[in-house]
Amino acid sequence: MDIEQNLGSELAIIGFGCGDFCSWSDHLEMRKSLFVRLRRMLTQVLMFRVLLRVSYQTSSEVRARIPNDHRELVLCNDLIKFGSCELLKISTLQL
């Protein structure tokens, strides 16, 4: 497998393989299976989320700063794209 960077930030994934198939339909079925698995992996990467646990005792001022602080951290790395940050719930979990 080879990964090449073409235009700007686009990456091209090039795969090579060898197989022994009894029929053309077997070959097509394996090819389809590989494409489905690759699509699932890419979807997982694109929809990747980071879960941050915040204690119930965290002050409202600190909680209000969390989205911007995360945005600033993510923007430090040019290879990561910041999508959004939201506080989903507060629990009584002790850290």
Protein backbone atom coordinates (compact mmCIF):
# COMPACT_ATOMS: atom_id res chain seq x y z
CA MET A 1 0.00 0.00 0.00
CA ASP A 2 1.22 3.48 -0.80
CA ILE A 3 -0.08 6.87 0.31
CA GLU A 4 0.74 9.90 -1.82
CA GLN A 5 -0.05 13.55 -1.22
CA ASN A 6 -1.30 15.11 -4.44
CA LEU A 7 -3.01 18.48 -4.42
CA GLY A 8 -2.63 20.44 -1.21
CA SER A 9 -3.92 18.34 1.66
CA GLU A 10 -5.48 15.55 -0.44
CA LEU A 11 -4.06 12.08 0.01
CA ALA A 12 -4.26 9.27 -2.52
CA ILE A 13 -4.24 5.73 -1.14
CA ILE A 14 -2.93 3.22 -3.66
CA GLY A 15 -3.26 -0.47 -2.87
CA PHE A 16 -1.65 -3.40 -4.61
CA GLY A 17 -2.55 -7.02 -4.10
CA CYS A 18 -2.36 -10.48 -5.51
CA GLY A 19 -5.07 -13.07 -5.30
CA ASP A 20 -5.96 -16.45 -6.69
CA PHE A 21 -9.62 -16.42 -7.66
CA CYS A 22 -11.63 -19.18 -9.28
CA SER A 23 -13.90 -16.76 -11.12
CA TRP A 24 -14.35 -13.13 -12.07
CA SER A 25 -17.30 -12.87 -9.69
CA ASP A 26 -15.07 -14.05 -6.80
CA HIS A 27 -12.59 -11.32 -7.71
CA LEU A 28 -15.33 -8.68 -7.81
CA GLU A 29 -16.75 -9.85 -4.47
CA MET A 30 -13.34 -9.57 -2.78
CA ARG A 31 -12.78 -6.15 -4.34
CA LYS A 32 -16.17 -4.97 -3.10
CA SER A 33 -15.42 -6.30 0.38
CA LEU A 34 -12.11 -4.42 0.49
CA PHE A 35 -13.76 -1.16 -0.63
CA VAL A 36 -16.46 -1.51 2.04
CA ARG A 37 -13.83 -2.06 4.75
CA LEU A 38 -11.79 0.91 3.51
CA ARG A 39 -14.88 3.14 3.46
CA ARG A 40 -15.68 2.13 7.07
CA MET A 41 -12.15 2.96 8.18
CA LEU A 42 -12.25 6.35 6.48
CA THR A 43 -15.63 7.10 8.03
CA GLN A 44 -14.23 6.30 11.47
CA VAL A 45 -11.32 8.65 10.89
CA LEU A 46 -13.56 11.45 9.61
CA MET A 47 -16.05 11.09 12.46
CA PHE A 48 -13.41 10.66 15.17
CA ARG A 49 -14.31 12.30 18.46
CA VAL A 50 -12.36 12.98 21.61
CA LEU A 51 -14.23 12.63 24.87
CA LEU A 52 -13.11 14.86 27.70
CA ARG A 53 -14.50 14.24 31.15
CA VAL A 54 -15.13 17.32 33.27
CA SER A 55 -15.88 17.04 36.97
CA TYR A 56 -19.18 18.33 38.31
CA GLN A 57 -17.22 20.58 40.66
CA THR A 58 -15.55 22.41 37.76
CA SER A 59 -16.41 26.09 37.97
CA SER A 60 -18.70 27.63 35.36
CA GLU A 61 -15.87 29.97 34.30
CA VAL A 62 -13.58 27.04 33.54
CA ARG A 63 -16.38 25.13 31.76
CA ALA A 64 -17.05 28.19 29.60
CA ARG A 65 -13.39 28.27 28.52
CA ILE A 66 -13.17 24.58 27.58
CA PRO A 67 -14.33 24.82 23.92
CA ASN A 68 -11.96 27.68 23.09
CA ASP A 69 -9.05 26.07 24.94
CA HIS A 70 -9.58 22.86 22.96
CA ARG A 71 -9.80 24.79 19.73
CA GLU A 72 -6.48 26.49 20.48
CA LEU A 73 -4.82 23.14 21.26
CA VAL A 74 -6.10 21.54 18.07
CA LEU A 75 -5.02 24.49 15.94
CA CYS A 76 -1.43 23.99 17.14
CA ASN A 77 -1.27 20.93 14.87
CA ASP A 78 -1.65 21.68 11.14
CA LEU A 79 -2.63 18.06 10.42
CA ILE A 80 -5.78 18.19 12.57
CA LYS A 81 -8.97 20.02 11.64
CA PHE A 82 -11.14 21.44 14.41
CA GLY A 83 -14.84 20.72 13.88
CA SER A 84 -16.62 21.64 17.07
CA CYS A 85 -16.55 21.34 20.82
CA GLU A 86 -19.59 21.17 23.04
CA LEU A 87 -20.37 20.28 26.62
CA LEU A 88 -22.85 17.42 26.41
CA LYS A 89 -23.51 16.69 30.05
CA ILE A 90 -22.22 17.14 33.56
CA SER A 91 -22.08 14.15 35.87
CA THR A 92 -21.16 13.58 39.48
CA LEU A 93 -18.23 11.37 38.51
CA GLN A 94 -15.24 12.05 40.77
CA LEU A 95 -11.90 12.26 38.95
